[in-house]
Amino acid sequence: MPVVHDLRILLRLRNFRRLLAVRILSQSADGVYQVALAAHVVFSPENQASAGAIASAMAVLLLPYSLIGPFAGVLLDRWPRRQVFLHGNLLRAALACCTALLMLGSAPDWLFYTSALCVTAVNRFVLAGLSAALPRVVDRDLLVLANSVSPTAGTLAATAGGGLAFAVRLLLSDSDAAVVLLGAGLYLASALTSLSLATRLLGPDREDSDLSLRTALAVTARGLGHGLRHLAVRKHATRALAAMTVIRFCYGALTVMLLMLCRYAWTDNESDGLALLGLAVGVSGAGFFAAALLTPWAAGRLGRFRWMAVCAGTAAVLEPALGLWFRPAPMLLAAFLLGLVTQGAKIATDTVVQTGVDDAFRGRVFSLYDVLFNVAFVGAAAAAALSLPADGKSPTVVIAVGMLYAVVAVALFRWSRTD
């Protein structure tokens, strides 16, 4: 097969393999660290986690991606990217060690969250740098394949890291700090692996006429404004983004509910609750994978907006039908289905945005998309914090989310007539 042949050629490239190793180690550490943080906030015996605490943890994990992301490229075009990987991962290893010490001590919550926020903020620079450096290690005719292989490998590495963190957390009692130190070790390994790449190999190529940092940041901010105005007159892309934002909000609210149910309603101890959460995450991930297989065919047959309408409509019916039982088995089935419909809608939205905006504005629009996607999730967590009871059982939230799905489904079906 041609793809297999190209992949073999790609993996023969020494510098590509080294850059891929940096990504795999870095993102596996991300998975370990994020699970350790969530487990400490929600499942530590000394913590009586509230929905508000969960919302705070989600904000720490997600907001840096949105708030820093649009401006990360400005700095990455000024700093040697190899040094970003080296110093960024060394810094994250040190900060992760600080987080572990704070877990062991009786530090105030604001200090713990500040440490975690710094780790996830640096992550945005590393991930963006990995994407920016890729054209420096592969030929142009292999770039599409490399862009497919690298992020997929990174996502699998993050998932594997999260699974490893779950396993360590279950095997060792009161081991949140140990899990974080495992993540710190992986960050350190990623930093050391980056030393196998030449300092100037990954760019950027600076010109003497480069803008000053202040001017470059101002230009970036103005560019985002231009992208927003461009998006405002591209109704297909605007509608898809609006629908996806609401779908993401619904998914975020249900995620917080699931965390509370695993922690307080379904089990008598933290270890069993964490194991059940790990199972739910795996089941939802299987739904994401199923969406990747199903969406190209379904969107091709139905059209992108109509497929999104089917996804939202399915969620509107099955989410309350399965969720109102507040039992593990139907909720796990709901986790799979919601993973499928959420990712299916996102894949269709990505395609609508890619084809619905001019190429010159595409990067800025996707930066805005990233902001909407993550802020919707954090906003949902905040809303859930205000409405969920201590054990997570809230028929009101389940019904309200189902109604939101239904409104989106109706709107998408109407829009599908012009898709």
Protein backbone atom coordinates (compact mmCIF):
# COMPACT_ATOMS: atom_id res chain seq x y z
CA MET A 1 0.00 0.00 0.00
CA PRO A 2 1.32 3.50 -0.82
CA VAL A 3 0.58 4.83 2.67
CA VAL A 4 2.51 2.01 4.31
CA HIS A 5 5.41 2.63 1.93
CA ASP A 6 5.40 6.37 2.73
CA LEU A 7 5.22 5.66 6.43
CA ARG A 8 8.29 3.45 6.23
CA ILE A 9 10.14 6.23 4.42
CA LEU A 10 9.02 8.69 7.07
CA LEU A 11 10.26 6.56 9.94
CA ARG A 12 13.65 6.20 8.26
CA LEU A 13 14.21 9.93 8.72
CA ARG A 14 16.43 10.20 11.79
CA ASN A 15 15.45 13.72 12.80
CA PHE A 16 11.75 12.96 12.36
CA ARG A 17 12.12 9.97 14.70
CA ARG A 18 13.88 12.15 17.26
CA LEU A 19 11.25 14.87 17.09
CA LEU A 20 8.53 12.22 17.35
CA ALA A 21 10.24 10.81 20.46
CA VAL A 22 10.22 14.28 22.04
CA ARG A 23 6.48 14.51 21.34
CA ILE A 24 5.65 11.04 22.63
CA LEU A 25 7.54 11.52 25.90
CA SER A 26 6.16 15.02 26.40
CA GLN A 27 2.53 14.10 25.74
CA SER A 28 2.73 10.91 27.78
CA ALA A 29 3.91 13.12 30.67
CA ASP A 30 0.93 15.40 30.00
CA GLY A 31 -1.42 12.43 30.35
CA VAL A 32 0.22 11.35 33.61
CA TYR A 33 0.17 14.85 35.06
CA GLN A 34 -3.43 15.63 34.11
CA VAL A 35 -4.76 12.40 35.58
CA ALA A 36 -2.71 12.95 38.74
CA LEU A 37 -4.10 16.46 39.11
CA ALA A 38 -7.70 15.35 38.54
CA ALA A 39 -7.31 12.38 40.89
CA HIS A 40 -5.86 14.57 43.63
CA VAL A 41 -8.67 17.12 43.35
CA VAL A 42 -11.50 14.59 43.12
CA PHE A 43 -10.40 11.28 44.63
CA SER A 44 -7.88 12.00 47.39
CA PRO A 45 -9.25 10.81 50.77
CA GLU A 46 -8.32 14.13 52.41
CA ASN A 47 -10.19 16.12 49.77
CA GLN A 48 -13.97 16.37 49.87
CA ALA A 49 -14.14 17.47 46.25
CA SER A 50 -16.96 19.75 45.23
CA ALA A 51 -18.14 20.56 41.74
CA GLY A 52 -16.45 23.93 42.24
CA ALA A 53 -13.10 22.25 42.86
CA ILE A 54 -13.58 20.15 39.72
CA ALA A 55 -14.40 23.29 37.74
CA SER A 56 -11.22 24.92 39.05
CA ALA A 57 -9.15 21.91 37.99
CA MET A 58 -10.67 21.98 34.51
CA ALA A 59 -9.93 25.67 34.21
CA VAL A 60 -6.30 25.00 35.11
CA LEU A 61 -6.05 22.22 32.55
CA LEU A 62 -7.81 23.95 29.66
CA LEU A 63 -7.71 27.73 29.88
CA PRO A 64 -3.99 28.10 29.12
CA TYR A 65 -4.63 26.44 25.75
CA SER A 66 -7.19 29.10 24.93
CA LEU A 67 -5.70 32.23 26.45
CA ILE A 68 -2.06 31.64 25.50
CA GLY A 69 -2.51 29.67 22.28
CA PRO A 70 -3.14 32.54 19.84
CA PHE A 71 0.00 34.33 21.04
CA ALA A 72 2.32 31.34 21.41
CA GLY A 73 3.28 31.44 17.74
CA VAL A 74 4.63 34.97 18.06
CA LEU A 75 7.19 33.84 20.63
CA LEU A 76 7.90 30.55 18.86
CA ASP A 77 8.92 32.53 15.79
CA ARG A 78 11.51 34.35 17.93
CA TRP A 79 12.99 31.55 20.07
CA PRO A 80 15.00 28.53 18.82
CA ARG A 81 12.44 25.74 18.87
CA ARG A 82 14.89 23.09 20.06
CA GLN A 83 15.54 25.28 23.08
CA VAL A 84 11.80 25.60 23.68
CA PHE A 85 11.58 21.81 23.95
CA LEU A 86 14.66 21.62 26.18
CA HIS A 87 13.94 24.47 28.56
CA GLY A 88 10.16 24.06 28.44
CA ASN A 89 10.30 20.41 29.50
CA LEU A 90 12.99 21.09 32.10
CA LEU A 91 10.80 23.83 33.53
CA ARG A 92 7.77 21.55 33.56
CA ALA A 93 9.77 18.82 35.30
CA ALA A 94 10.79 21.29 38.01
CA LEU A 95 7.26 22.68 38.36
CA ALA A 96 5.82 19.17 38.53
CA CYS A 97 8.19 18.39 41.40
CA CYS A 98 6.89 21.53 43.12
CA THR A 99 3.33 20.30 42.58
CA ALA A 100 4.25 16.97 44.19
CA LEU A 101 5.68 18.75 47.23
CA LEU A 102 2.53 20.86 47.52
CA MET A 103 0.45 17.67 47.42
CA LEU A 104 2.47 16.21 50.28
CA GLY A 105 2.23 19.36 52.36
CA SER A 106 -0.67 21.46 53.50
CA ALA A 107 -0.24 24.24 50.97
CA PRO A 108 -3.17 26.56 50.25
CA ASP A 109 -5.27 25.70 47.25
CA TRP A 110 -4.31 28.84 45.32
CA LEU A 111 -0.63 27.89 45.46
CA PHE A 112 -1.35 24.34 44.29
CA TYR A 113 -3.44 25.57 41.37
CA THR A 114 -0.84 28.19 40.44
CA SER A 115 1.81 25.49 40.18
CA ALA A 116 -0.45 23.30 38.06
CA LEU A 117 -1.44 26.26 35.88
CA CYS A 118 2.23 27.01 35.12
CA VAL A 119 2.82 23.41 34.00
CA THR A 120 -0.13 23.42 31.60
CA ALA A 121 0.68 26.91 30.32
CA VAL A 122 4.16 25.85 29.21
CA ASN A 123 2.59 22.87 27.49
CA ARG A 124 0.99 25.16 24.90
CA PHE A 125 4.38 26.39 23.74
CA VAL A 126 5.78 22.87 23.48
CA LEU A 127 2.85 21.50 21.46
CA ALA A 128 2.78 24.46 19.10
CA GLY A 129 6.55 24.21 18.67
CA LEU A 130 6.33 20.53 17.77
CA SER A 131 3.89 21.34 14.97
CA ALA A 132 5.94 24.31 13.76
CA ALA A 133 9.15 22.27 13.68
CA LEU A 134 7.75 19.37 11.67
CA PRO A 135 8.43 20.86 8.19
CA ARG A 136 12.09 21.16 9.18
CA VAL A 137 12.56 17.39 9.50
CA VAL A 138 10.46 15.98 6.61
CA ASP A 139 10.19 16.72 2.90
CA ARG A 140 7.17 18.59 1.56
CA ASP A 141 5.72 15.52 -0.17
CA LEU A 142 5.61 13.66 3.18
CA LEU A 143 4.30 16.56 5.26
CA VAL A 144 0.62 15.56 5.11
CA LEU A 145 1.47 12.07 6.30
CA ALA A 146 3.75 13.45 9.01
CA ASN A 147 0.98 15.79 10.17
CA SER A 148 -1.28 12.76 10.51
CA VAL A 149 1.21 10.47 12.24
CA SER A 150 2.66 12.90 14.78
CA PRO A 151 -0.52 14.26 16.46
CA THR A 152 -2.08 10.79 16.45
CA ALA A 153 1.00 9.32 18.12
CA GLY A 154 0.94 12.15 20.64
CA THR A 155 -2.72 11.58 21.48
CA LEU A 156 -2.11 7.86 21.94
CA ALA A 157 0.89 8.66 24.15
CA ALA A 158 -1.22 11.00 26.30
CA THR A 159 -3.89 8.31 26.61
CA ALA A 160 -1.27 5.71 27.55
CA GLY A 161 0.21 8.12 30.09
CA GLY A 162 -3.21 8.65 31.61
CA GLY A 163 -3.73 4.90 31.78
CA LEU A 164 -0.35 4.47 33.47
CA ALA A 165 -1.28 7.14 35.99
CA PHE A 166 -4.58 5.40 36.74
CA ALA A 167 -2.72 2.11 37.25
CA VAL A 168 -0.12 3.61 39.58
CA ARG A 169 -2.81 5.47 41.50
CA LEU A 170 -4.77 2.27 42.02
CA LEU A 171 -1.74 0.16 42.96
CA LEU A 172 -0.32 2.62 45.46
CA SER A 173 -2.55 4.25 48.03
CA ASP A 174 -2.13 8.01 48.57
CA SER A 175 0.19 8.10 45.56
CA ASP A 176 -0.79 11.35 43.83
CA ALA A 177 2.62 12.86 44.50
CA ALA A 178 4.33 9.73 43.17
CA VAL A 179 2.28 9.91 39.98
CA VAL A 180 3.22 13.56 39.51
CA LEU A 181 6.90 12.66 39.99
CA LEU A 182 6.48 10.00 37.31
CA GLY A 183 5.23 12.76 35.00
CA ALA A 184 8.21 14.91 35.98
CA GLY A 185 10.53 12.07 35.01
CA LEU A 186 8.90 11.82 31.59
CA TYR A 187 9.21 15.59 31.09
CA LEU A 188 12.90 15.29 31.94
CA ALA A 189 13.29 12.41 29.48
CA SER A 190 11.66 14.53 26.76
CA ALA A 191 14.04 17.41 27.51
CA LEU A 192 17.08 15.13 27.30
CA THR A 193 15.79 13.57 24.06
CA SER A 194 15.57 17.02 22.49
CA LEU A 195 19.35 17.33 22.90
CA SER A 196 19.73 14.77 20.09
CA LEU A 197 18.50 17.48 17.69
CA ALA A 198 20.82 20.26 16.53
CA THR A 199 20.06 23.64 18.10
CA ARG A 200 19.36 25.47 14.82
CA LEU A 201 17.84 22.52 12.94
CA LEU A 202 14.25 23.26 13.91
CA GLY A 203 14.34 27.00 13.20
CA PRO A 204 13.02 29.58 13.10
CA ASP A 205 14.99 31.47 10.44
CA ARG A 206 15.06 35.00 11.80
CA GLU A 207 15.31 38.06 9.60
CA ASP A 208 16.79 41.39 10.68
CA SER A 209 13.51 43.10 9.79
CA ASP A 210 11.45 41.10 12.28
CA LEU A 211 8.87 43.09 14.20
CA SER A 212 9.52 43.93 17.81
CA LEU A 213 7.85 41.65 20.33
CA ARG A 214 5.34 44.32 21.38
CA THR A 215 4.43 45.05 17.77
CA ALA A 216 4.15 41.34 16.93
CA LEU A 217 1.78 40.75 19.85
CA ALA A 218 -0.31 43.76 18.86
CA VAL A 219 -0.47 42.52 15.26
CA THR A 220 -1.59 39.09 16.52
CA ALA A 221 -4.38 40.65 18.58
CA ARG A 222 -5.55 42.73 15.62
CA GLY A 223 -5.38 39.65 13.43
CA LEU A 224 -7.73 37.78 15.74
CA GLY A 225 -10.15 40.69 15.45
CA HIS A 226 -9.93 40.51 11.67
CA GLY A 227 -10.56 36.78 11.84
CA LEU A 228 -13.66 37.36 13.96
CA ARG A 229 -15.02 39.88 11.46
CA HIS A 230 -14.29 37.51 8.58
CA LEU A 231 -16.09 34.72 10.42
CA ALA A 232 -19.12 36.92 11.01
CA VAL A 233 -19.88 36.98 7.27
CA ARG A 234 -19.27 33.25 6.72
CA LYS A 235 -22.60 31.91 7.93
CA HIS A 236 -21.87 28.22 7.44
CA ALA A 237 -18.72 28.35 9.55
CA THR A 238 -20.37 30.60 12.14
CA ARG A 239 -23.34 28.27 12.49
CA ALA A 240 -21.17 25.18 12.81
CA LEU A 241 -19.02 26.84 15.48
CA ALA A 242 -22.08 28.01 17.41
CA ALA A 243 -23.55 24.50 17.38
CA MET A 244 -20.25 22.90 18.38
CA THR A 245 -19.81 25.33 21.24
CA VAL A 246 -23.17 24.33 22.71
CA ILE A 247 -22.45 20.61 22.18
CA ARG A 248 -19.10 21.04 23.92
CA PHE A 249 -20.84 22.86 26.78
CA CYS A 250 -23.24 19.94 27.21
CA TYR A 251 -20.38 17.45 27.19
CA GLY A 252 -18.52 19.46 29.83
CA ALA A 253 -21.52 19.61 32.17
CA LEU A 254 -22.04 15.86 31.89
CA THR A 255 -18.34 15.23 32.50
CA VAL A 256 -18.50 17.04 35.84
CA MET A 257 -21.65 15.08 36.74
CA LEU A 258 -19.88 11.82 35.93
CA LEU A 259 -16.93 12.76 38.11
CA MET A 260 -19.22 13.49 41.04
CA LEU A 261 -21.17 10.27 40.54
CA CYS A 262 -17.98 8.19 40.44
CA ARG A 263 -16.68 9.94 43.54
CA TYR A 264 -19.74 9.92 45.78
CA ALA A 265 -22.76 8.06 44.40
CA TRP A 266 -21.58 4.77 42.98
CA THR A 267 -18.77 3.60 45.25
CA ASP A 268 -17.87 3.56 48.91
CA ASN A 269 -14.17 4.31 48.50
CA GLU A 270 -11.94 6.48 46.36
CA SER A 271 -10.07 3.62 44.65
CA ASP A 272 -13.23 2.04 43.28
CA GLY A 273 -14.46 5.44 42.15
CA LEU A 274 -11.20 6.15 40.34
CA ALA A 275 -11.32 2.74 38.64
CA LEU A 276 -14.87 3.42 37.48
CA LEU A 277 -13.85 6.83 36.16
CA GLY A 278 -10.97 5.24 34.27
CA LEU A 279 -13.41 2.81 32.68
CA ALA A 280 -15.73 5.67 31.71
CA VAL A 281 -12.84 7.60 30.13
CA GLY A 282 -11.85 4.51 28.15
CA VAL A 283 -15.42 3.92 26.98
CA SER A 284 -15.77 7.57 25.93
CA GLY A 285 -12.45 7.29 24.09
CA ALA A 286 -13.83 4.28 22.22
CA GLY A 287 -16.73 6.51 21.17
CA PHE A 288 -14.24 9.07 19.83
CA PHE A 289 -12.53 6.35 17.83
CA ALA A 290 -15.85 5.09 16.47
CA ALA A 291 -16.67 8.64 15.37
CA ALA A 292 -13.44 8.83 13.41
CA LEU A 293 -14.46 5.70 11.53
CA LEU A 294 -18.14 6.57 11.03
CA THR A 295 -18.12 10.31 10.34
CA PRO A 296 -16.46 10.33 6.87
CA TRP A 297 -19.10 7.92 5.58
CA ALA A 298 -22.06 9.50 7.40
CA ALA A 299 -21.16 13.09 6.54
CA GLY A 300 -20.62 12.05 2.92
CA ARG A 301 -24.06 10.46 2.73
CA LEU A 302 -26.04 12.97 4.78
CA GLY A 303 -24.11 16.21 4.45
CA ARG A 304 -22.11 17.80 7.22
CA PHE A 305 -24.90 19.81 8.89
CA ARG A 306 -27.37 16.95 8.68
CA TRP A 307 -24.84 14.57 10.24
CA MET A 308 -24.28 17.10 13.04
CA ALA A 309 -28.07 17.28 13.46
CA VAL A 310 -28.21 13.47 13.75
CA CYS A 311 -25.46 13.60 16.39
CA ALA A 312 -27.22 16.28 18.44
CA GLY A 313 -30.63 14.62 18.01
CA THR A 314 -29.27 11.26 19.13
CA ALA A 315 -27.83 12.89 22.23
CA ALA A 316 -31.11 14.72 22.91
CA VAL A 317 -32.97 11.41 23.04
CA LEU A 318 -30.47 9.03 24.60
CA GLU A 319 -28.82 11.35 27.14
CA PRO A 320 -31.93 11.66 29.36
CA ALA A 321 -33.06 8.11 28.56
CA LEU A 322 -29.79 6.70 29.90
CA GLY A 323 -28.75 9.42 32.32
CA LEU A 324 -31.88 9.69 34.46
CA TRP A 325 -31.25 6.21 35.85
CA PHE A 326 -28.07 7.46 37.54
CA ARG A 327 -26.66 3.93 37.40
CA PRO A 328 -23.17 2.94 36.18
CA ALA A 329 -24.16 0.64 33.31
CA PRO A 330 -26.48 3.04 31.43
CA MET A 331 -24.14 5.94 32.16
CA LEU A 332 -21.20 4.04 30.66
CA LEU A 333 -23.28 3.39 27.54
CA ALA A 334 -24.12 7.10 27.50
CA ALA A 335 -20.39 7.92 27.80
CA PHE A 336 -19.71 5.90 24.65
CA LEU A 337 -22.57 7.43 22.70
CA LEU A 338 -21.77 10.99 23.79
CA GLY A 339 -18.12 10.46 22.91
CA LEU A 340 -19.23 9.32 19.46
CA VAL A 341 -21.67 12.15 18.78
CA THR A 342 -19.44 14.87 20.25
CA GLN A 343 -16.42 13.84 18.22
CA GLY A 344 -18.56 13.20 15.16
CA ALA A 345 -19.91 16.74 15.36
CA LYS A 346 -16.43 18.13 15.89
CA ILE A 347 -15.01 16.38 12.84
CA ALA A 348 -17.84 17.78 10.73
CA THR A 349 -17.34 21.24 12.25
CA ASP A 350 -13.62 21.14 11.46
CA THR A 351 -14.45 20.40 7.84
CA VAL A 352 -17.07 23.16 7.62
CA VAL A 353 -14.61 25.69 9.03
CA GLN A 354 -11.77 24.53 6.79
CA THR A 355 -13.91 24.87 3.67
CA GLY A 356 -16.03 27.81 4.76
CA VAL A 357 -13.37 30.47 5.43
CA ASP A 358 -10.69 31.94 3.20
CA ASP A 359 -7.26 30.38 3.48
CA ALA A 360 -5.71 33.70 4.56
CA PHE A 361 -7.95 33.72 7.66
CA ARG A 362 -7.99 30.02 8.44
CA GLY A 363 -5.31 30.05 11.13
CA ARG A 364 -6.92 32.93 12.99
CA VAL A 365 -10.36 31.37 12.80
CA PHE A 366 -9.03 28.09 14.19
CA SER A 367 -7.42 30.02 17.04
CA LEU A 368 -10.84 31.46 17.83
CA TYR A 369 -12.32 27.95 17.47
CA ASP A 370 -9.81 26.70 20.04
CA VAL A 371 -10.83 29.45 22.45
CA LEU A 372 -14.55 28.68 22.06
CA PHE A 373 -14.00 24.93 22.38
CA ASN A 374 -12.14 25.09 25.69
CA VAL A 375 -13.97 28.04 27.24
CA ALA A 376 -17.29 26.24 26.60
CA PHE A 377 -16.02 23.22 28.52
CA VAL A 378 -14.78 25.31 31.45
CA GLY A 379 -18.00 27.36 31.41
CA ALA A 380 -20.00 24.14 31.60
CA ALA A 381 -17.96 23.02 34.59
CA ALA A 382 -18.65 26.34 36.30
CA ALA A 383 -22.38 26.07 35.55
CA ALA A 384 -22.43 22.51 36.87
CA ALA A 385 -20.66 23.67 40.04
CA LEU A 386 -23.57 25.99 40.72
CA SER A 387 -26.33 23.45 40.04
CA LEU A 388 -25.12 19.96 40.96
CA PRO A 389 -25.76 18.46 44.41
CA ALA A 390 -22.89 16.90 46.33
CA ASP A 391 -23.46 13.39 44.92
CA GLY A 392 -23.93 14.57 41.31
CA LYS A 393 -27.51 13.27 40.95
CA SER A 394 -29.43 16.08 39.29
CA PRO A 395 -32.39 15.24 37.02
CA THR A 396 -32.67 18.97 36.32
CA VAL A 397 -29.19 19.10 34.79
CA VAL A 398 -29.82 15.94 32.74
CA ILE A 399 -33.08 17.30 31.33
CA ALA A 400 -31.63 20.76 30.70
CA VAL A 401 -28.70 19.29 28.78
CA GLY A 402 -31.08 17.13 26.76
CA MET A 403 -33.10 20.22 25.85
CA LEU A 404 -29.94 22.04 24.73
CA TYR A 405 -29.07 19.09 22.49
CA ALA A 406 -32.59 19.19 21.05
CA VAL A 407 -32.41 22.93 20.29
CA VAL A 408 -29.08 22.42 18.52
CA ALA A 409 -30.46 19.47 16.54
CA VAL A 410 -33.44 21.50 15.30
CA ALA A 411 -31.24 24.44 14.33
CA LEU A 412 -28.77 22.20 12.51
CA PHE A 413 -31.54 20.44 10.63
CA ARG A 414 -32.86 23.80 9.42
CA TRP A 415 -29.36 24.90 8.41
CA SER A 416 -28.76 21.59 6.63
CA ARG A 417 -31.15 22.67 3.88
CA THR A 418 -28.50 25.13 2.71
CA ASP A 419 -25.48 22.91 3.41
